[in-house]
N, C-alpha and C. Protein backbone atom coordinates (compact mmCIF):
# COMPACT_ATOMS: atom_id res chain seq x y z
N MET A 1 -2.67 106.19 163.97
CA MET A 1 -2.52 107.70 164.00
C MET A 1 -1.59 107.99 163.18
N PRO A 2 -1.43 109.46 162.44
CA PRO A 2 -0.19 109.65 162.03
C PRO A 2 0.82 110.25 163.00
N VAL A 3 1.85 110.89 162.60
CA VAL A 3 2.90 111.23 163.81
C VAL A 3 2.47 112.47 164.35
N ASN A 4 2.30 112.62 165.36
CA ASN A 4 2.15 114.05 165.96
C ASN A 4 3.01 115.35 165.94
N PRO A 5 2.86 116.33 164.63
CA PRO A 5 3.46 117.21 164.23
C PRO A 5 3.71 118.07 165.91
N ALA A 6 3.13 118.11 167.06
CA ALA A 6 3.37 118.80 168.14
C ALA A 6 4.57 118.38 168.75
N LEU A 7 5.56 117.23 168.11
CA LEU A 7 6.54 116.86 168.87
C LEU A 7 7.72 117.71 168.69
N VAL A 8 7.45 118.43 167.33
CA VAL A 8 8.53 119.63 167.49
C VAL A 8 8.82 120.51 168.79
N GLY A 9 10.22 120.64 168.84
CA GLY A 9 10.40 121.51 169.78
C GLY A 9 10.32 120.69 170.96
N ARG A 10 9.65 119.73 171.66
CA ARG A 10 9.49 118.86 172.41
C ARG A 10 11.08 118.28 172.95
N THR A 11 11.22 118.56 174.37
CA THR A 11 12.72 118.02 174.94
C THR A 11 12.47 116.91 175.83
N PHE A 12 12.92 115.96 175.92
CA PHE A 12 12.78 114.76 176.83
C PHE A 12 13.59 114.85 177.96
N PRO A 13 13.69 114.44 179.33
CA PRO A 13 14.42 114.85 180.60
C PRO A 13 15.62 113.97 180.27
N PRO A 14 16.81 113.89 180.31
CA PRO A 14 18.07 113.62 180.17
C PRO A 14 17.68 112.47 180.55
N VAL A 15 18.56 110.93 179.92
CA VAL A 15 18.57 109.65 180.58
C VAL A 15 19.80 109.51 181.38
N ALA A 16 19.48 108.57 181.89
CA ALA A 16 20.79 107.99 183.30
C ALA A 16 21.80 107.88 182.37
N PRO A 17 23.08 109.02 182.97
CA PRO A 17 24.76 108.85 182.59
C PRO A 17 24.86 107.22 182.32
N TYR A 18 25.93 107.40 180.90
CA TYR A 18 26.24 105.94 180.42
C TYR A 18 27.71 106.16 180.35
N LEU A 19 28.28 105.18 181.29
CA LEU A 19 29.92 105.54 181.46
C LEU A 19 30.49 104.37 180.47
N VAL A 20 31.19 104.85 179.78
CA VAL A 20 31.87 104.64 178.58
C VAL A 20 33.02 103.33 178.71
N GLY A 21 32.69 102.19 178.50
CA GLY A 21 33.62 101.35 178.79
C GLY A 21 34.65 101.24 178.04
N ARG A 22 36.11 100.68 178.45
CA ARG A 22 37.01 100.48 177.46
C ARG A 22 36.68 99.04 176.71
N GLU A 23 36.34 98.26 176.96
CA GLU A 23 35.70 96.83 176.44
C GLU A 23 34.74 97.17 175.50
N LYS A 24 33.57 98.12 175.65
CA LYS A 24 32.42 98.58 174.89
C LYS A 24 33.13 99.23 173.75
N VAL A 25 34.43 100.16 173.81
CA VAL A 25 34.86 100.97 172.66
C VAL A 25 35.31 99.74 171.77
N ARG A 26 36.04 98.76 172.35
CA ARG A 26 36.76 98.10 171.63
C ARG A 26 35.71 96.85 170.79
N GLU A 27 34.82 96.80 171.64
CA GLU A 27 33.59 95.47 170.94
C GLU A 27 33.01 96.35 169.63
N PHE A 28 32.94 97.41 169.87
CA PHE A 28 32.09 98.48 169.08
C PHE A 28 33.22 98.86 167.73
N ALA A 29 34.27 99.04 168.15
CA ALA A 29 35.52 99.00 167.01
C ALA A 29 35.29 98.07 166.25
N ARG A 30 35.52 96.79 166.88
CA ARG A 30 35.43 95.37 165.99
C ARG A 30 34.27 95.34 165.08
N ALA A 31 32.93 95.64 165.60
CA ALA A 31 31.82 95.82 164.94
C ALA A 31 31.85 96.45 163.55
N VAL A 32 32.57 97.29 163.78
CA VAL A 32 32.18 98.26 162.78
C VAL A 32 33.61 98.53 161.78
N PHE A 33 34.35 97.42 162.05
CA PHE A 33 35.84 97.27 161.87
C PHE A 33 36.75 98.78 161.70
N ALA A 34 36.82 99.08 162.75
CA ALA A 34 37.50 100.03 163.09
C ALA A 34 38.70 99.59 163.33
N THR A 35 40.16 99.82 162.77
CA THR A 35 41.15 99.20 163.39
C THR A 35 42.14 100.23 163.53
N SER A 36 41.79 101.31 164.03
CA SER A 36 42.92 102.28 164.67
C SER A 36 43.46 101.89 165.94
N ALA A 37 44.56 101.97 166.06
CA ALA A 37 45.31 101.43 167.16
C ALA A 37 45.08 102.46 168.44
N ILE A 38 44.71 103.70 167.98
CA ILE A 38 44.01 104.54 169.51
C ILE A 38 42.36 104.21 169.75
N THR A 39 41.76 102.91 169.04
CA THR A 39 40.45 102.71 169.51
C THR A 39 40.52 101.11 170.22
N LEU A 40 41.88 100.84 170.30
CA LEU A 40 41.71 99.46 170.69
C LEU A 40 42.86 99.40 171.66
N ASP A 41 44.30 100.05 171.75
CA ASP A 41 45.24 100.23 172.61
C ASP A 41 45.44 101.53 173.61
N PRO A 42 45.10 101.33 174.64
CA PRO A 42 45.09 102.27 175.76
C PRO A 42 46.33 103.08 175.69
N ASP A 43 47.36 102.41 175.44
CA ASP A 43 49.02 103.01 174.95
C ASP A 43 49.09 103.75 174.17
N ALA A 44 48.22 103.48 172.99
CA ALA A 44 48.70 103.92 171.58
C ALA A 44 47.57 105.33 171.79
N ALA A 45 46.42 105.14 172.66
CA ALA A 45 45.72 106.12 172.94
C ALA A 45 46.39 107.25 173.90
N ARG A 46 46.89 106.97 174.28
CA ARG A 46 47.46 107.73 175.51
C ARG A 46 49.02 108.57 174.91
N ALA A 47 49.52 107.40 173.99
CA ALA A 47 50.87 108.28 172.88
C ALA A 47 50.00 109.46 172.30
N ALA A 48 48.94 109.43 172.01
CA ALA A 48 48.16 110.29 170.94
C ALA A 48 47.50 111.38 171.83
N GLY A 49 47.76 111.44 172.93
CA GLY A 49 47.26 112.52 173.72
C GLY A 49 45.87 112.39 174.40
N TYR A 50 45.39 111.14 174.38
CA TYR A 50 44.10 110.79 175.16
C TYR A 50 44.18 110.36 176.23
N PRO A 51 43.10 109.98 177.56
CA PRO A 51 43.32 109.67 178.40
C PRO A 51 43.31 108.13 178.53
N ASP A 52 42.38 107.47 177.29
CA ASP A 52 42.08 106.21 177.31
C ASP A 52 41.67 105.82 175.78
N VAL A 53 41.18 104.57 175.73
CA VAL A 53 40.92 104.52 174.16
C VAL A 53 39.83 105.59 173.38
N VAL A 54 39.84 105.62 172.26
CA VAL A 54 38.94 106.67 171.72
C VAL A 54 37.87 105.90 170.58
N ALA A 55 36.72 106.02 171.06
CA ALA A 55 35.58 105.54 170.55
C ALA A 55 35.05 105.54 169.12
N PRO A 56 35.06 104.83 168.01
CA PRO A 56 35.12 105.13 166.77
C PRO A 56 33.78 106.30 166.77
N PRO A 57 33.93 107.14 165.59
CA PRO A 57 32.71 108.08 165.46
C PRO A 57 31.27 107.92 165.45
N THR A 58 30.76 106.51 165.18
CA THR A 58 29.74 106.68 165.19
C THR A 58 29.51 105.79 166.64
N PHE A 59 30.04 105.66 167.62
CA PHE A 59 29.89 105.23 168.75
C PHE A 59 28.45 105.87 169.46
N PRO A 60 28.44 107.21 169.48
CA PRO A 60 27.36 107.58 170.24
C PRO A 60 25.84 107.24 169.97
N VAL A 61 25.79 106.34 168.66
CA VAL A 61 24.31 105.82 168.69
C VAL A 61 24.28 105.03 169.83
N VAL A 62 25.12 104.19 170.44
CA VAL A 62 25.08 103.40 171.65
C VAL A 62 24.24 103.89 172.58
N VAL A 63 24.38 105.57 172.79
CA VAL A 63 24.12 106.25 173.68
C VAL A 63 22.23 106.77 173.70
N GLN A 64 22.82 107.01 172.41
CA GLN A 64 21.32 107.64 171.37
C GLN A 64 20.40 106.84 171.45
N GLU A 65 20.57 105.81 171.43
CA GLU A 65 19.24 104.72 171.43
C GLU A 65 18.51 104.70 172.98
N HIS A 66 19.29 104.95 173.44
CA HIS A 66 18.48 105.37 175.10
C HIS A 66 17.42 106.75 174.88
N THR A 67 18.08 107.70 174.55
CA THR A 67 17.27 108.74 174.33
C THR A 67 15.89 108.35 173.63
N LEU A 68 15.93 107.64 172.16
CA LEU A 68 14.90 107.75 170.74
C LEU A 68 14.19 106.66 172.05
N GLN A 69 14.21 105.87 172.86
CA GLN A 69 13.57 104.58 173.34
C GLN A 69 12.05 105.78 173.93
N GLN A 70 12.86 106.86 174.32
CA GLN A 70 11.87 107.95 175.20
C GLN A 70 10.78 108.15 173.77
N LEU A 71 11.57 108.96 173.17
CA LEU A 71 10.36 109.11 171.93
C LEU A 71 9.70 108.11 171.41
N LEU A 72 10.14 106.97 171.11
CA LEU A 72 9.42 105.45 170.82
C LEU A 72 7.90 105.50 171.44
N ALA A 73 8.31 105.25 172.75
CA ALA A 73 7.85 105.15 173.70
C ALA A 73 6.37 106.31 174.11
N GLU A 74 6.65 107.43 173.37
CA GLU A 74 5.92 108.55 173.84
C GLU A 74 4.44 108.25 173.42
N PRO A 75 3.10 108.32 174.27
CA PRO A 75 1.73 108.04 173.67
C PRO A 75 1.51 108.30 172.96
N ASP A 76 1.29 110.02 172.53
CA ASP A 76 1.07 111.01 171.95
C ASP A 76 1.82 110.91 170.38
N ALA A 77 2.85 110.33 170.43
CA ALA A 77 4.03 111.15 169.57
C ALA A 77 3.36 110.03 168.17
N GLY A 78 2.51 108.94 168.24
CA GLY A 78 2.02 108.51 166.92
C GLY A 78 2.78 107.83 165.90
N ILE A 79 3.89 107.46 166.73
CA ILE A 79 5.04 106.62 166.05
C ILE A 79 5.08 104.98 166.05
N ASP A 80 4.13 104.24 165.05
CA ASP A 80 4.70 102.71 165.13
C ASP A 80 5.77 102.06 165.12
N PHE A 81 6.43 101.49 166.03
CA PHE A 81 8.14 101.49 165.69
C PHE A 81 7.98 100.33 164.53
N SER A 82 7.27 99.22 164.03
CA SER A 82 7.32 98.32 163.21
C SER A 82 7.10 98.80 161.95
N ARG A 83 7.06 100.30 161.67
CA ARG A 83 7.03 100.99 160.20
C ARG A 83 8.14 102.12 160.41
N VAL A 84 9.04 102.08 161.24
CA VAL A 84 10.27 103.05 161.44
C VAL A 84 11.14 102.38 160.58
N VAL A 85 11.73 103.06 159.64
CA VAL A 85 13.04 102.59 158.86
C VAL A 85 14.10 104.06 159.32
N HIS A 86 15.60 103.83 159.87
CA HIS A 86 16.35 104.53 159.73
C HIS A 86 16.51 105.46 158.94
N GLY A 87 16.41 106.63 158.78
CA GLY A 87 16.61 107.70 157.59
C GLY A 87 18.13 108.32 157.35
N ASP A 88 18.34 108.65 158.31
CA ASP A 88 19.67 109.56 158.17
C ASP A 88 20.49 109.24 159.58
N GLN A 89 21.74 109.72 159.93
CA GLN A 89 22.56 109.86 160.90
C GLN A 89 23.51 110.82 160.96
N ARG A 90 23.86 111.80 161.74
CA ARG A 90 25.25 112.59 161.65
C ARG A 90 25.15 112.84 163.03
N PHE A 91 26.89 113.35 163.09
CA PHE A 91 27.36 113.72 164.53
C PHE A 91 27.81 115.24 164.47
N THR A 92 27.90 115.77 165.35
CA THR A 92 28.65 117.02 165.50
C THR A 92 29.25 116.83 166.96
N TYR A 93 31.03 116.81 166.67
CA TYR A 93 31.46 116.94 168.24
C TYR A 93 32.50 118.19 168.10
N SER A 94 32.56 118.04 169.64
CA SER A 94 33.42 119.07 170.35
C SER A 94 34.50 118.25 170.50
N ARG A 95 34.44 117.28 170.96
CA ARG A 95 35.73 116.19 171.32
C ARG A 95 35.31 114.88 171.19
N PRO A 96 36.52 114.12 170.62
CA PRO A 96 36.01 112.18 170.95
C PRO A 96 35.40 111.84 171.95
N VAL A 97 34.95 111.41 171.90
CA VAL A 97 34.48 110.00 173.08
C VAL A 97 35.44 109.29 173.35
N VAL A 98 35.67 108.98 174.56
CA VAL A 98 36.96 108.32 175.02
C VAL A 98 36.11 107.52 176.23
N ALA A 99 36.89 106.34 176.41
CA ALA A 99 36.62 105.23 177.46
C ALA A 99 36.61 106.00 179.02
N GLY A 100 35.75 105.92 179.87
CA GLY A 100 35.97 106.56 180.77
C GLY A 100 35.10 107.46 181.07
N ASP A 101 34.58 108.40 179.71
CA ASP A 101 33.32 109.28 179.87
C ASP A 101 32.30 108.91 180.21
N GLU A 102 32.03 109.68 181.14
CA GLU A 102 30.26 109.45 181.32
C GLU A 102 29.13 110.62 180.77
N LEU A 103 28.68 109.77 179.63
CA LEU A 103 27.69 110.62 179.02
C LEU A 103 26.43 110.58 179.57
N THR A 104 25.73 112.18 179.59
CA THR A 104 24.29 112.55 179.93
C THR A 104 23.89 112.68 178.39
N ALA A 105 22.61 112.22 178.30
CA ALA A 105 22.18 112.68 176.68
C ALA A 105 20.64 113.04 176.83
N THR A 106 20.58 113.91 176.30
CA THR A 106 19.12 114.59 176.23
C THR A 106 18.45 114.85 174.63
N LEU A 107 17.39 114.68 174.55
CA LEU A 107 16.64 114.53 173.44
C LEU A 107 15.63 115.56 172.73
N ALA A 108 15.93 116.01 171.88
CA ALA A 108 14.89 117.20 171.37
C ALA A 108 14.72 116.76 169.94
N VAL A 109 12.97 117.03 169.76
CA VAL A 109 12.89 116.65 168.45
C VAL A 109 12.77 117.92 167.76
N THR A 110 13.47 118.18 166.68
CA THR A 110 13.99 119.44 165.95
C THR A 110 12.90 119.40 164.76
N SER A 111 12.01 118.40 164.01
CA SER A 111 11.64 118.12 162.84
C SER A 111 10.58 117.26 162.44
N VAL A 112 9.25 117.43 162.20
CA VAL A 112 8.29 116.18 161.80
C VAL A 112 8.25 116.90 160.46
N LYS A 113 8.33 116.34 159.26
CA LYS A 113 7.89 116.26 158.07
C LYS A 113 7.05 115.19 157.27
N THR A 114 5.95 115.56 156.54
CA THR A 114 5.39 114.61 155.93
C THR A 114 6.01 115.04 154.58
N LEU A 115 5.92 113.36 153.68
CA LEU A 115 6.48 113.39 152.39
C LEU A 115 5.94 111.97 151.73
N GLY A 116 5.24 112.21 150.74
CA GLY A 116 4.33 110.95 150.07
C GLY A 116 3.90 110.13 151.05
N GLY A 117 3.26 110.49 152.07
CA GLY A 117 2.38 109.74 153.28
C GLY A 117 3.21 109.45 154.39
N ASN A 118 4.79 109.59 154.39
CA ASN A 118 5.28 109.16 155.12
C ASN A 118 5.72 110.42 156.19
N ALA A 119 6.34 109.84 157.30
CA ALA A 119 6.57 110.71 158.18
C ALA A 119 8.10 110.57 158.58
N MET A 120 8.51 111.78 158.43
CA MET A 120 10.16 112.49 158.81
C MET A 120 10.49 112.81 160.14
N VAL A 121 10.98 112.17 160.80
CA VAL A 121 11.36 112.78 162.30
C VAL A 121 12.62 112.95 162.69
N THR A 122 12.87 113.96 162.96
CA THR A 122 14.35 114.23 163.12
C THR A 122 14.46 114.77 164.57
N ALA A 123 15.39 114.02 165.19
CA ALA A 123 15.53 114.41 166.61
C ALA A 123 17.43 114.27 167.07
N GLU A 124 17.59 115.17 168.19
CA GLU A 124 18.98 115.40 168.19
C GLU A 124 19.08 115.30 169.74
N SER A 125 20.15 114.00 170.12
CA SER A 125 20.72 113.34 171.14
C SER A 125 22.07 114.10 171.43
N THR A 126 21.76 115.31 172.47
CA THR A 126 23.00 116.14 172.88
C THR A 126 23.88 115.63 174.07
N MET A 127 24.86 114.94 173.95
CA MET A 127 25.56 114.60 174.85
C MET A 127 26.79 115.12 176.12
N THR A 128 26.54 115.26 176.79
CA THR A 128 27.55 116.10 177.66
C THR A 128 28.56 115.03 178.74
N ASP A 129 29.40 115.14 179.35
CA ASP A 129 30.43 114.52 180.19
C ASP A 129 30.10 114.96 181.64
N ALA A 130 30.47 114.72 182.21
CA ALA A 130 30.47 114.39 183.64
C ALA A 130 30.37 115.96 184.31
N ALA A 131 31.37 116.61 183.66
CA ALA A 131 31.57 117.97 183.75
C ALA A 131 30.36 119.28 183.46
N GLY A 132 29.54 118.56 182.67
CA GLY A 132 28.91 119.42 182.04
C GLY A 132 29.28 119.65 180.44
N GLU A 133 30.04 119.16 179.87
CA GLU A 133 30.86 120.51 179.02
C GLU A 133 30.11 119.39 177.53
N HIS A 134 29.92 119.81 176.56
CA HIS A 134 29.24 118.88 175.39
C HIS A 134 30.38 118.31 174.54
N VAL A 135 29.99 116.98 174.11
CA VAL A 135 30.83 116.15 173.81
C VAL A 135 30.34 116.05 172.32
N VAL A 136 29.36 115.67 172.51
CA VAL A 136 28.50 114.97 170.59
C VAL A 136 26.97 115.54 170.98
N THR A 137 26.68 115.93 169.50
CA THR A 137 25.07 115.41 169.23
C THR A 137 25.07 114.79 168.12
N ALA A 138 23.95 113.76 168.30
CA ALA A 138 24.14 112.74 167.31
C ALA A 138 22.70 113.17 166.84
N ILE A 139 22.21 113.29 165.74
CA ILE A 139 21.41 113.56 164.83
C ILE A 139 20.73 112.56 164.08
N SER A 140 19.65 112.13 164.24
CA SER A 140 18.74 110.83 163.32
C SER A 140 17.40 111.52 162.80
N THR A 141 17.12 110.71 161.55
CA THR A 141 16.16 111.26 161.06
C THR A 141 15.42 109.50 160.98
N LEU A 142 14.72 109.73 161.64
CA LEU A 142 13.63 108.24 161.86
C LEU A 142 12.43 108.56 160.49
N VAL A 143 12.26 107.79 159.45
CA VAL A 143 10.75 107.62 158.63
C VAL A 143 10.03 106.34 159.30
N VAL A 144 9.04 107.26 159.29
CA VAL A 144 8.09 106.70 159.48
C VAL A 144 6.79 106.32 158.35
N ARG A 145 6.95 105.09 157.67
CA ARG A 145 6.38 104.71 156.74
C ARG A 145 4.68 104.72 157.06
N ALA A 146 3.86 105.23 155.91
CA ALA A 146 2.56 105.39 156.06
C ALA A 146 2.19 103.62 156.53
N ASP A 147 0.71 103.95 156.71
CA ASP A 147 0.15 102.48 157.23
C ASP A 147 -0.26 102.33 155.58
N GLU A 148 -1.00 100.88 155.31
CA GLU A 148 -1.77 100.61 154.20
C GLU A 148 -3.08 101.33 153.87
N SER A 149 -3.56 101.54 154.68
CA SER A 149 -5.07 102.65 154.59
C SER A 149 -4.53 104.11 153.76
N ALA A 150 -3.32 104.49 154.53
CA ALA A 150 -3.05 105.94 154.03
C ALA A 150 -2.57 105.62 152.47
N GLU A 151 -1.49 104.60 152.17
CA GLU A 151 -1.07 104.50 151.19
C GLU A 151 -2.23 103.98 150.02
N GLN A 152 -3.40 103.34 150.31
CA GLN A 152 -4.44 103.41 149.66
C GLN A 152 -5.22 104.38 149.53
N ALA A 153 -5.15 105.33 150.28
CA ALA A 153 -6.05 106.59 149.85
C ALA A 153 -5.20 107.06 149.42
N GLU A 154 -3.80 107.14 149.24
CA GLU A 154 -3.13 108.11 148.69
C GLU A 154 -3.00 107.57 147.05
N ASP A 155 -3.26 106.27 146.84
CA ASP A 155 -3.41 105.51 145.55
C ASP A 155 -4.81 105.94 144.56
N ASP A 156 -5.85 105.90 145.50
CA ASP A 156 -6.91 106.23 145.08
C ASP A 156 -7.35 107.74 144.62
N ALA A 157 -6.59 108.43 145.25
CA ALA A 157 -6.73 110.20 144.82
C ALA A 157 -6.50 110.29 143.60
């Protein structure tokens, strides 16, 4: 089954709030080789004007993963996860993510395009803090590779 183009405009319910922990930020920072003192040291972060350690810019993928699971599990989506390749990732920030934030994310599918038999699905995970203020939007494009039968039909044409 091809990816369902009717996904465009679909918004999924918010996922459970994610409490950003100091140690999770530090672990992520180490994993991505982020060495800034504000990502590792609460005192350095406070001296820079933040309430706690500041997450690296790509940290919201941790929260976004929860929202993307909703899309991948959607029965009528037509997305075979075994054929998914991550195509693009972007972030738009209102402010940095810091330890202690409680982020709630909502996923919206913004685009489904077909290119060379492959489908490109773009989805935005909008994350707000406990006060309901926007923090960051994580934008992902997933490439769903065509299955062999579709690839063969294209080759035969």
